[in-house]
Each structure stands twice: as C-alpha cells, then as structure tokens.
Amino acid sequence: MSDPQYWADFGGRMSLAGVEVTDSNVSQLGAVQAVRHGLSSAMKSLPASVYRRGANGAREALPDHPVTRLFAANPNARQTPAELVGELAWNVSYYRNSYCAILPGDPRALEYYAVGGLEWLHPRRLAMVERGIDGRLYYTFNPPATIVQGAQLKQTTYRDDELWHIRSNPLREDGLLGEPIFHSARHVFARAIAVHDYGDIWFKNNGQSGGTLEHPGVFKDKADRNEFLENWRAAGTGMNRHKDRLLTHGVKYNPIKVTNSEAQLLETEDAADTAVFGLWSYPLHRASRLKRATNNNVEQQSLDFVVGCVAPLAIEIEQGVERDLLLDNENGDLFFEFNFFGLLRGDLLNRYRAYLIGRQGEWLSANDILRFENMSPRTDPGGNEYKNPLTKDSAGDAQGVDDKAGSNGGSSSPNEDGNDD
C-alpha cells in the first residue's frame, strides 16, 4: 500500500496543482478528445491485409486470409472493423494496453483457422495479471459496468494464449503492462485541468474575479455575517448574475478588476493544450489550432502526423498481429500491414505529376495508377504494360530510337521502308 501505483489504480493522486488526475477527468479535456478523434479516425480509415513475401522484395496480398477478414470484414458478431481498429488504436495510445479475447474458429468449417474472432475488452475492466506456476500469464477481467439482463456478473480469467494483448511504452517495472499516459504524464494533465477549471469557474462567476465588501461597522454575530454573505453570493450567481443587487448595512462593494488579458488566460490555456498535444506528437493544425499555420507547413505537418504519430501506433498493432494471430506463419513469409497510401496522398495535381514520373520511369503501369485512384483497371493489354507511353520501344531500346531520330534530323517520319521503328 506504500506503492503510489496502488493508489493511482484506485482513481489517481492529488497533483501539485491541487487537481486529482484520473482517467475520467483527463478524458474530458478538449485536447485529449481531439487527439482521440484524430488518431482513431486515421487508423480505422487505413486498409489492412496479410501479405506473403516473394522473391526480390515482391509481395502478394492475401484478401481471403482469415486474419485479413478479421480486420477487413468481420472481427466479431457485434463490431465492424472500423469500430475495433479505432478502439485498439486509442487503447494502445492512451492506456498503453489493448485487450481482445481470442474467439476460437469453428473446427467444422472447411477453412478452419484457430482464431475465429476478436472480442474487444476495455482496459478499465482489467482487475489483475499474475503469473501461474506453469509460467503462463493469467488476466482477470471484471464484468462490464453496463449490466445486461441475464449476464453473469462475475470475473473472467483468460490465459495468455486466449487473449490478444498489445503493450506500448513505457512499460511498468514488471514489463507485463504498459503504463497509462495519465499516470506517466500526471502533472501535464494536472496543469491543463487546473487551467480549464479556472476558466469554467470564471464564466460561472459572471466573468468577474470577485471583490471585497467594505462594512462600516460590525455584525452582531457570526451567523448574521454568514447570512449576509450567502444572500449576496446567491443574488449574483446562476440565473441571478445579471440582476440588480441591494447592499444593506451601509456595505460598499469594491470589485477586483483582473481581466483575462491581464491574467493571460487564453495564452495559458493554449500552452497547456499544446503540452498535451506534445505527449502524442500530435500536430496543432489537426485540432484547428491554426495560429502559426501556413499552406506550406500544414502539408509538412500532415506528413509528420503520419510518420511520427500514426505510423508507430500502426507498427505496434501490426507486430502484435504477427506475433499472436498469424498462426500459419511457420516459414515467416507472412506479414500484416496497414496501407498508408490514402493518408500520404497529395493534392490532385501533385499526384498526377508523380504518376507521370512513374509512367515515364517505367515503374508504374496504367492499371497501377488506376488502382491507386480507386478506379477500375483498363481491360486492354496495354493497361499492365510498363513501357514509357512517350516512346515506341521499351527502355532497353530507347537509346536506339534516339540515335535514329538524331540521324534523321529529329524528324519523326517513317523510315525508307515505310515502317515505324
């Protein structure tokens, strides 16, 4: 009980700012909600598939692999793939732990696979992790807070091969669990909560900072003084904040005039939110903080968002899939990957310029480009050709074409035999 982590698990400790930092009040911060929406929306929009490695860096997508279907069609009977991936992404980045019970496949099915589904478990439900005498880990989960009619309200224990658990850094000392971000960055969230609470109280108090009441005499007793103060405060708060008030007993009111500009409330709130965004390397423009944004640096920040914020999160999920769910990967030739092409796409003109470079460089075919643009491929044989469309021959004969063109003075007319080379 002397371990601070013990008390943190029961709701958090009081910070130096005088604010109790818990999962509940941290989640209410607007900056945290912006990060949650941005990360989960980006991750669940990414196509995902199992691939097979080939020779010379080739890869083959396996759309019919059971694990691909889990993340592209049907993870379980109640959730869509977008719902599952969105929750996994936020759980890994916020709680630094995500859990899914592994549902067994149907052995009577023609394409039997041991992993038949994934049942998402909220990290708040975890009650205990312990290592058994057999060396395996056992995870005990409390029943959900929402009571379903007829549900068994008892804890459920999973062995480590019955549970898909993804951990994220930093880990706790035992290495079994990741440390939630509201534990490791407690004081960052405490400052943000304290600043926003101050602003809320300021608005609740009619946008005023209070004042002093100057009494010419003395009250007859303490009860009389308290009654006067209570009546004064009740007459100037809530729905009465804009009504006239009557001063009795010859009392004079002296307001304390401290404006928000003098207190730098907006600047302080902005700095507190920026510190929260920094915990996830989350770019400010995605939370509509455009004070220092320009057309040029927003594009660069969008790239930074993918490379520094979303990609590490995707890698953790990908490696977790390969470790725990790809059960038919004895040869190590299978891997799971999210496709980031949609997030890295530029504007229309820049995309078409890049496609033109790829076509002229002969590493993109017309059908490759059409697939990138989610368009139907060409049905003619030329759709899969990689020849430069600006020449008549392949890259190996391009020099010969140039030489012949030069000998004819750059003319593109047919040769003497009447045929084009």
Protein backbone atom coordinates (compact mmCIF):
# COMPACT_ATOMS: atom_id res chain seq x y z
CA MET A 1 0.00 0.00 0.00
CA SER A 2 3.03 2.28 0.06
CA ASP A 3 3.30 1.92 -3.73
CA PRO A 4 1.95 5.08 -5.44
CA GLN A 5 0.78 2.92 -8.34
CA TYR A 6 -1.61 1.13 -5.98
CA TRP A 7 -3.45 4.37 -5.22
CA ALA A 8 -3.27 5.50 -8.84
CA ASP A 9 -5.22 2.43 -9.87
CA PHE A 10 -7.99 3.44 -7.45
CA GLY A 11 -8.57 6.82 -9.03
CA GLY A 12 -5.33 8.76 -9.00
CA ARG A 13 -3.42 11.03 -6.63
CA MET A 14 -3.60 14.72 -5.96
CA SER A 15 -1.11 16.63 -8.12
CA LEU A 16 0.96 19.65 -7.16
CA ALA A 17 -1.64 21.82 -8.91
CA GLY A 18 -4.23 20.62 -6.40
CA VAL A 19 -6.07 18.59 -9.05
CA GLU A 20 -6.87 14.90 -8.87
CA VAL A 21 -5.79 13.30 -12.15
CA THR A 22 -7.95 10.33 -13.14
CA ASP A 23 -8.94 8.56 -16.31
CA SER A 24 -12.35 10.26 -16.16
CA ASN A 25 -11.32 13.91 -15.85
CA VAL A 26 -8.36 13.58 -18.24
CA SER A 27 -10.72 12.17 -20.88
CA GLN A 28 -12.89 15.30 -20.57
CA LEU A 29 -10.14 17.62 -21.79
CA GLY A 30 -10.85 19.03 -25.23
CA ALA A 31 -7.24 18.44 -26.29
CA VAL A 32 -7.48 14.77 -25.35
CA GLN A 33 -10.75 14.38 -27.23
CA ALA A 34 -9.16 15.98 -30.31
CA VAL A 35 -6.26 13.54 -30.19
CA ARG A 36 -8.61 10.62 -29.64
CA HIS A 37 -10.73 11.50 -32.64
CA GLY A 38 -7.73 12.22 -34.85
CA LEU A 39 -5.80 9.04 -34.05
CA SER A 40 -8.74 6.63 -34.12
CA SER A 41 -10.20 8.19 -37.30
CA ALA A 42 -6.87 7.96 -39.10
CA MET A 43 -6.23 4.36 -38.06
CA LYS A 44 -9.67 3.00 -38.89
CA SER A 45 -9.54 4.57 -42.36
CA LEU A 46 -6.45 2.52 -43.30
CA PRO A 47 -6.93 -0.66 -45.34
CA ALA A 48 -5.18 -3.65 -43.76
CA SER A 49 -4.22 -7.04 -45.15
CA VAL A 50 -1.99 -10.06 -44.71
CA TYR A 51 0.78 -10.28 -47.32
CA ARG A 52 3.11 -13.04 -48.45
CA ARG A 53 6.75 -12.20 -49.14
CA GLY A 54 8.10 -13.20 -52.52
CA ALA A 55 11.45 -13.19 -54.23
CA ASN A 56 13.30 -9.90 -54.80
CA GLY A 57 11.02 -7.92 -52.49
CA ALA A 58 7.79 -8.98 -54.17
CA ARG A 59 4.63 -9.15 -52.10
CA GLU A 60 1.28 -10.79 -52.63
CA ALA A 61 -1.86 -9.60 -50.87
CA LEU A 62 -3.97 -12.35 -49.30
CA PRO A 63 -7.53 -10.92 -49.15
CA ASP A 64 -9.00 -14.32 -48.25
CA HIS A 65 -6.70 -15.00 -45.31
CA PRO A 66 -8.72 -15.39 -42.07
CA VAL A 67 -6.74 -12.63 -40.33
CA THR A 68 -7.35 -10.26 -43.26
CA ARG A 69 -11.07 -10.94 -42.96
CA LEU A 70 -10.92 -10.16 -39.24
CA PHE A 71 -9.66 -6.62 -39.93
CA ALA A 72 -11.50 -6.04 -43.20
CA ALA A 73 -14.90 -7.65 -42.79
CA ASN A 74 -15.96 -9.33 -39.56
CA PRO A 75 -13.92 -9.21 -36.33
CA ASN A 76 -16.85 -10.42 -34.21
CA ALA A 77 -20.62 -10.60 -34.20
CA ARG A 78 -21.16 -7.07 -32.83
CA GLN A 79 -18.39 -4.81 -34.14
CA THR A 80 -17.30 -3.58 -37.52
CA PRO A 81 -13.59 -3.50 -38.40
CA ALA A 82 -13.60 0.31 -38.06
CA GLU A 83 -15.00 0.10 -34.53
CA LEU A 84 -12.44 -2.50 -33.48
CA VAL A 85 -9.40 -0.78 -35.01
CA GLY A 86 -10.46 2.62 -33.67
CA GLU A 87 -10.73 1.29 -30.12
CA LEU A 88 -7.48 -0.67 -30.37
CA ALA A 89 -5.62 2.42 -31.57
CA TRP A 90 -6.90 4.61 -28.73
CA ASN A 91 -6.37 1.94 -26.07
CA VAL A 92 -2.75 1.46 -27.14
CA SER A 93 -2.01 5.20 -27.27
CA TYR A 94 -3.92 6.23 -24.12
CA TYR A 95 -3.98 3.25 -21.76
CA ARG A 96 -0.79 1.79 -23.33
CA ASN A 97 -2.63 -1.55 -23.27
CA SER A 98 -5.26 -3.09 -25.52
CA TYR A 99 -7.03 -6.40 -24.96
CA CYS A 100 -9.09 -8.72 -27.14
CA ALA A 101 -10.34 -12.15 -26.20
CA ILE A 102 -9.46 -14.60 -28.97
CA LEU A 103 -12.59 -16.41 -30.13
CA PRO A 104 -11.88 -19.92 -31.45
CA GLY A 105 -12.75 -20.80 -35.02
CA ASP A 106 -15.23 -23.46 -35.98
CA PRO A 107 -13.38 -26.76 -36.49
CA ARG A 108 -16.27 -27.95 -38.65
CA ALA A 109 -15.66 -25.21 -41.21
CA LEU A 110 -13.95 -26.07 -44.46
CA GLU A 111 -11.33 -23.34 -43.95
CA TYR A 112 -10.78 -23.88 -40.25
CA TYR A 113 -8.49 -21.35 -38.55
CA ALA A 114 -7.83 -21.35 -34.80
CA VAL A 115 -8.52 -17.60 -34.47
CA GLY A 116 -12.18 -17.20 -35.35
CA GLY A 117 -12.78 -13.70 -33.97
CA LEU A 118 -11.67 -10.94 -31.60
CA GLU A 119 -13.83 -9.77 -28.69
CA TRP A 120 -12.70 -6.31 -27.55
CA LEU A 121 -12.22 -5.82 -23.77
CA HIS A 122 -12.00 -2.34 -22.23
CA PRO A 123 -8.70 -1.77 -20.36
CA ARG A 124 -10.61 -0.39 -17.37
CA ARG A 125 -12.05 -3.86 -16.81
CA LEU A 126 -8.66 -5.44 -16.07
CA ALA A 127 -8.52 -6.49 -12.42
CA MET A 128 -5.28 -8.47 -12.14
CA VAL A 129 -2.41 -10.00 -14.08
CA GLU A 130 -0.49 -12.84 -12.46
CA ARG A 131 1.96 -15.49 -13.49
CA GLY A 132 0.87 -19.03 -12.75
CA ILE A 133 3.00 -21.91 -11.55
CA ASP A 134 3.07 -23.13 -15.15
CA GLY A 135 4.86 -19.91 -16.20
CA ARG A 136 1.87 -18.62 -18.19
CA LEU A 137 0.22 -15.26 -17.61
CA TYR A 138 -3.39 -15.10 -16.47
CA TYR A 139 -5.53 -11.98 -16.99
CA THR A 140 -8.60 -11.46 -14.81
CA PHE A 141 -11.26 -9.00 -16.02
CA ASN A 142 -14.19 -7.55 -14.10
CA PRO A 143 -17.65 -7.69 -15.68
CA PRO A 144 -18.62 -4.62 -17.73
CA ALA A 145 -20.14 -1.67 -15.91
CA THR A 146 -23.23 -1.93 -18.10
CA ILE A 147 -25.39 -4.67 -16.60
CA VAL A 148 -27.06 -6.78 -19.25
CA GLN A 149 -30.15 -8.73 -18.31
CA GLY A 150 -29.25 -12.33 -17.63
CA ALA A 151 -25.49 -11.67 -17.71
CA GLN A 152 -23.22 -13.47 -15.29
CA LEU A 153 -21.77 -10.78 -13.03
CA LYS A 154 -18.51 -12.47 -12.22
CA GLN A 155 -14.88 -12.07 -13.19
CA THR A 156 -13.46 -13.82 -16.23
CA THR A 157 -9.89 -15.12 -16.44
CA TYR A 158 -8.00 -15.65 -19.70
CA ARG A 159 -4.72 -17.45 -20.22
CA ASP A 160 -2.19 -15.53 -22.29
CA ASP A 161 -2.84 -17.67 -25.39
CA GLU A 162 -6.56 -16.89 -25.10
CA LEU A 163 -6.01 -13.12 -25.05
CA TRP A 164 -4.51 -10.72 -27.58
CA HIS A 165 -2.62 -8.13 -25.53
CA ILE A 166 -0.68 -5.24 -27.09
CA ARG A 167 1.61 -3.25 -24.78
CA SER A 168 3.09 0.17 -25.51
CA ASN A 169 5.99 2.03 -23.95
CA PRO A 170 6.68 2.96 -21.25
CA LEU A 171 6.20 -0.38 -19.50
CA ARG A 172 5.79 -0.88 -15.79
CA GLU A 173 8.66 -2.32 -13.80
CA ASP A 174 7.49 -5.91 -14.22
CA GLY A 175 7.18 -5.47 -18.01
CA LEU A 176 3.75 -7.09 -18.05
CA LEU A 177 1.69 -3.95 -18.64
CA GLY A 178 2.14 -0.59 -20.26
CA GLU A 179 1.82 2.45 -18.00
CA PRO A 180 -1.22 4.61 -18.91
CA ILE A 181 -0.37 8.05 -20.17
CA PHE A 182 -2.41 9.74 -17.43
CA HIS A 183 -0.05 8.08 -14.91
CA SER A 184 3.26 8.80 -16.62
CA ALA A 185 2.29 12.40 -17.56
CA ARG A 186 0.22 13.19 -14.48
CA HIS A 187 1.47 16.75 -13.96
CA VAL A 188 1.00 17.72 -17.62
CA PHE A 189 -2.67 16.80 -17.42
CA ALA A 190 -2.99 18.38 -13.97
CA ARG A 191 -1.93 21.79 -15.30
CA ALA A 192 -4.35 21.52 -18.21
CA ILE A 193 -7.23 20.53 -15.92
CA ALA A 194 -6.43 23.31 -13.44
CA VAL A 195 -6.30 25.98 -16.16
CA HIS A 196 -9.57 24.91 -17.76
CA ASP A 197 -11.28 24.60 -14.37
CA TYR A 198 -10.23 28.17 -13.62
CA GLY A 199 -11.82 29.35 -16.86
CA ASP A 200 -15.03 27.44 -16.16
CA ILE A 201 -15.30 28.93 -12.67
CA TRP A 202 -14.60 32.40 -14.07
CA PHE A 203 -17.52 32.10 -16.51
CA LYS A 204 -19.73 30.63 -13.80
CA ASN A 205 -18.98 33.73 -11.74
CA ASN A 206 -20.33 36.06 -14.43
CA GLY A 207 -16.88 36.63 -15.91
CA GLN A 208 -15.79 38.52 -12.80
CA SER A 209 -12.97 37.98 -10.36
CA GLY A 210 -14.93 38.80 -7.21
CA GLY A 211 -14.24 41.67 -4.89
CA THR A 212 -14.33 42.90 -1.31
CA LEU A 213 -17.25 44.09 0.83
CA GLU A 214 -16.46 47.08 3.00
CA HIS A 215 -18.65 47.17 6.16
CA PRO A 216 -18.79 50.40 8.19
CA GLY A 217 -19.47 48.58 11.43
CA VAL A 218 -19.59 45.06 12.74
CA PHE A 219 -22.10 42.27 12.51
CA LYS A 220 -23.84 41.33 15.68
CA ASP A 221 -22.67 37.73 15.41
CA LYS A 222 -21.08 35.22 13.09
CA ALA A 223 -24.41 33.84 11.92
CA ASP A 224 -25.54 37.31 10.83
CA ARG A 225 -22.32 37.77 8.83
CA ASN A 226 -22.63 34.38 7.13
CA GLU A 227 -26.26 35.02 6.25
CA PHE A 228 -25.37 38.33 4.63
CA LEU A 229 -22.57 36.75 2.57
CA GLU A 230 -24.74 33.86 1.45
CA ASN A 231 -27.51 36.20 0.32
CA TRP A 232 -25.02 38.40 -1.52
CA ARG A 233 -23.47 35.48 -3.37
CA ALA A 234 -26.80 33.85 -4.20
CA ALA A 235 -28.09 37.11 -5.66
CA GLY A 236 -25.14 37.39 -8.07
CA THR A 237 -24.64 33.86 -9.36
CA GLY A 238 -26.51 31.46 -11.64
CA MET A 239 -29.62 32.92 -13.23
CA ASN A 240 -29.33 36.00 -10.98
CA ARG A 241 -25.95 37.08 -12.26
CA HIS A 242 -27.32 39.99 -14.33
CA LYS A 243 -29.88 41.23 -11.84
CA ASP A 244 -29.52 44.27 -9.61
CA ARG A 245 -28.45 43.65 -6.02
CA LEU A 246 -29.16 45.61 -2.86
CA LEU A 247 -26.39 46.44 -0.39
CA THR A 248 -27.58 46.82 3.18
CA HIS A 249 -25.90 47.69 6.48
CA GLY A 250 -24.02 50.50 4.70
CA VAL A 251 -21.79 47.99 2.93
CA LYS A 252 -19.69 49.17 -0.02
CA TYR A 253 -18.57 46.78 -2.80
CA ASN A 254 -15.06 47.11 -4.24
CA PRO A 255 -14.58 44.82 -7.30
CA ILE A 256 -11.18 43.28 -8.00
CA LYS A 257 -10.57 44.16 -11.64
CA VAL A 258 -8.40 41.45 -13.16
CA THR A 259 -9.14 40.87 -16.85
CA ASN A 260 -8.38 37.66 -18.69
CA SER A 261 -5.92 39.54 -20.89
CA GLU A 262 -4.02 40.60 -17.79
CA ALA A 263 -4.16 37.08 -16.39
CA GLN A 264 -3.20 35.70 -19.86
CA LEU A 265 -5.86 33.03 -19.54
CA LEU A 266 -6.09 32.28 -23.24
CA GLU A 267 -2.31 32.03 -23.61
CA THR A 268 -2.11 29.76 -20.57
CA GLU A 269 -4.88 27.50 -21.89
CA ASP A 270 -3.16 27.34 -25.27
CA ALA A 271 0.17 26.42 -23.68
CA ALA A 272 -1.48 23.73 -21.53
CA ASP A 273 -3.21 22.19 -24.55
CA THR A 274 0.00 22.33 -26.59
CA ALA A 275 1.77 20.35 -23.87
CA VAL A 276 -1.00 17.72 -24.04
CA PHE A 277 -0.71 17.50 -27.84
CA GLY A 278 3.04 17.06 -27.47
CA LEU A 279 2.53 13.84 -25.49
CA TRP A 280 1.29 12.21 -28.71
CA SER A 281 3.37 14.28 -31.17
CA TYR A 282 0.00 15.46 -32.44
CA PRO A 283 0.15 18.41 -34.90
CA LEU A 284 -1.75 21.50 -33.78
CA HIS A 285 -3.46 22.17 -37.09
CA ARG A 286 -5.42 18.92 -36.82
CA ALA A 287 -7.06 20.34 -33.68
CA SER A 288 -7.91 23.60 -35.51
CA ARG A 289 -5.04 25.48 -33.85
CA LEU A 290 -4.04 27.48 -36.92
CA LYS A 291 -2.27 30.42 -35.28
CA ARG A 292 1.08 29.60 -36.89
CA ALA A 293 -0.16 27.50 -39.79
CA THR A 294 0.50 28.26 -43.45
CA ASN A 295 -0.32 26.36 -46.62
CA ASN A 296 3.26 25.09 -46.79
CA ASN A 297 3.80 23.96 -43.23
CA VAL A 298 0.32 22.37 -42.88
CA GLU A 299 1.26 19.92 -45.65
CA GLN A 300 4.53 19.14 -43.89
CA GLN A 301 2.76 18.76 -40.55
CA SER A 302 0.31 16.33 -42.14
CA LEU A 303 3.26 14.23 -43.25
CA ASP A 304 4.75 14.47 -39.74
CA PHE A 305 1.42 13.30 -38.33
CA VAL A 306 1.59 10.12 -40.38
CA VAL A 307 5.30 9.45 -39.84
CA GLY A 308 5.67 10.41 -36.18
CA CYS A 309 2.21 9.86 -34.73
CA VAL A 310 0.18 7.25 -36.63
CA ALA A 311 2.90 5.02 -38.08
CA PRO A 312 4.41 3.95 -34.70
CA LEU A 313 0.91 3.11 -33.49
CA ALA A 314 0.23 1.03 -36.61
CA ILE A 315 3.55 -0.80 -36.22
CA GLU A 316 2.66 -1.86 -32.68
CA ILE A 317 -0.65 -3.32 -33.88
CA GLU A 318 0.98 -4.96 -36.91
CA GLN A 319 3.64 -6.65 -34.80
CA GLY A 320 1.00 -7.78 -32.31
CA VAL A 321 -0.96 -9.40 -35.14
CA GLU A 322 2.13 -11.17 -36.47
CA ARG A 323 3.10 -12.42 -33.01
CA ASP A 324 -0.29 -13.67 -31.79
CA LEU A 325 -2.74 -14.08 -34.67
CA LEU A 326 -0.76 -15.32 -37.70
CA LEU A 327 -0.73 -18.95 -36.65
CA ASP A 328 0.18 -20.32 -40.10
CA ASN A 329 3.44 -18.40 -40.39
CA GLU A 330 5.99 -21.09 -39.60
CA ASN A 331 8.18 -20.02 -42.53
CA GLY A 332 8.00 -16.34 -41.59
CA ASP A 333 6.87 -15.36 -45.08
CA LEU A 334 3.59 -13.77 -43.94
CA PHE A 335 3.21 -10.29 -42.53
CA PHE A 336 0.37 -7.93 -41.68
CA GLU A 337 0.39 -4.29 -42.77
CA PHE A 338 -1.75 -1.16 -42.85
CA ASN A 339 -1.76 0.73 -46.13
CA PHE A 340 -0.83 4.39 -45.58
CA PHE A 341 -1.22 5.45 -49.19
CA GLY A 342 -4.54 7.20 -48.52
CA LEU A 343 -3.06 9.38 -45.77
CA LEU A 344 0.07 10.23 -47.77
CA ARG A 345 -1.73 11.23 -50.95
CA GLY A 346 -1.09 14.78 -52.05
CA ASP A 347 -3.45 17.03 -53.94
CA LEU A 348 -4.69 16.08 -57.39
CA LEU A 349 -2.05 17.98 -59.38
CA ASN A 350 0.88 16.66 -57.34
CA ARG A 351 -0.45 13.08 -57.56
CA TYR A 352 -0.75 13.28 -61.33
CA ARG A 353 2.75 14.70 -61.60
CA ALA A 354 4.09 11.81 -59.52
CA TYR A 355 2.17 9.30 -61.66
CA LEU A 356 3.65 10.84 -64.80
CA ILE A 357 7.17 10.40 -63.40
CA GLY A 358 6.39 6.79 -62.58
CA ARG A 359 5.00 6.10 -66.07
CA GLN A 360 7.93 7.69 -67.82
CA GLY A 361 10.36 5.93 -65.48
CA GLU A 362 8.62 2.64 -66.33
CA TRP A 363 7.95 1.50 -62.76
CA LEU A 364 4.19 2.25 -62.87
CA SER A 365 1.63 0.87 -65.27
CA ALA A 366 -1.67 2.49 -66.15
CA ASN A 367 -3.52 -0.07 -64.06
CA ASP A 368 -1.23 0.56 -61.06
CA ILE A 369 -2.23 4.22 -61.17
CA LEU A 370 -5.92 3.40 -61.58
CA ARG A 371 -5.78 1.15 -58.51
CA PHE A 372 -4.14 3.95 -56.52
CA GLU A 373 -7.06 6.19 -57.52
CA ASN A 374 -9.68 3.51 -56.68
CA MET A 375 -10.72 3.30 -60.33
CA SER A 376 -11.45 0.24 -62.45
CA PRO A 377 -8.43 -1.06 -64.40
CA ARG A 378 -8.17 -0.98 -68.16
CA THR A 379 -9.27 -4.15 -69.90
CA ASP A 380 -6.95 -3.83 -72.90
CA PRO A 381 -3.49 -5.50 -72.78
CA GLY A 382 -1.74 -2.13 -72.60
CA GLY A 383 -3.11 -1.46 -69.13
CA ASN A 384 -0.45 -3.64 -67.50
CA GLU A 385 2.48 -2.53 -69.65
CA TYR A 386 5.34 -0.62 -68.06
CA LYS A 387 6.71 0.91 -71.25
CA ASN A 388 7.12 4.66 -71.39
CA PRO A 389 3.99 5.90 -73.22
CA LEU A 390 6.05 8.71 -74.80
CA THR A 391 8.23 6.23 -76.71
CA LYS A 392 7.50 3.40 -79.08
CA ASP A 393 10.00 0.94 -77.64
CA SER A 394 10.97 -0.40 -74.22
CA ALA A 395 13.58 1.24 -72.07
CA GLY A 396 16.26 -1.10 -73.38
CA ASP A 397 15.83 0.21 -76.96
CA ALA A 398 15.26 3.85 -76.04
CA GLN A 399 18.86 4.76 -76.93
CA GLY A 400 18.47 3.25 -80.38
CA VAL A 401 15.35 5.26 -81.01
CA ASP A 402 17.14 8.46 -80.02
CA ASP A 403 20.09 7.70 -82.30
CA LYS A 404 17.86 7.04 -85.30
CA ALA A 405 15.81 10.13 -84.63
CA GLY A 406 19.01 12.18 -84.48
CA SER A 407 20.28 10.80 -87.77
CA ASN A 408 17.08 11.95 -89.48
CA GLY A 409 17.44 15.46 -88.17
CA GLY A 410 14.96 14.87 -85.36
CA SER A 411 12.18 14.00 -87.80
CA SER A 412 9.54 11.54 -86.66
CA SER A 413 8.71 10.47 -90.24
CA PRO A 414 8.77 6.73 -91.18
CA ASN A 415 11.96 5.04 -92.39
CA GLU A 416 12.62 4.31 -96.04
CA ASP A 417 10.80 1.01 -95.83
CA GLY A 418 7.72 2.88 -94.68
CA ASN A 419 7.55 1.32 -91.22
CA ASP A 420 7.93 2.98 -87.82
CA ASP A 421 10.78 1.69 -85.63
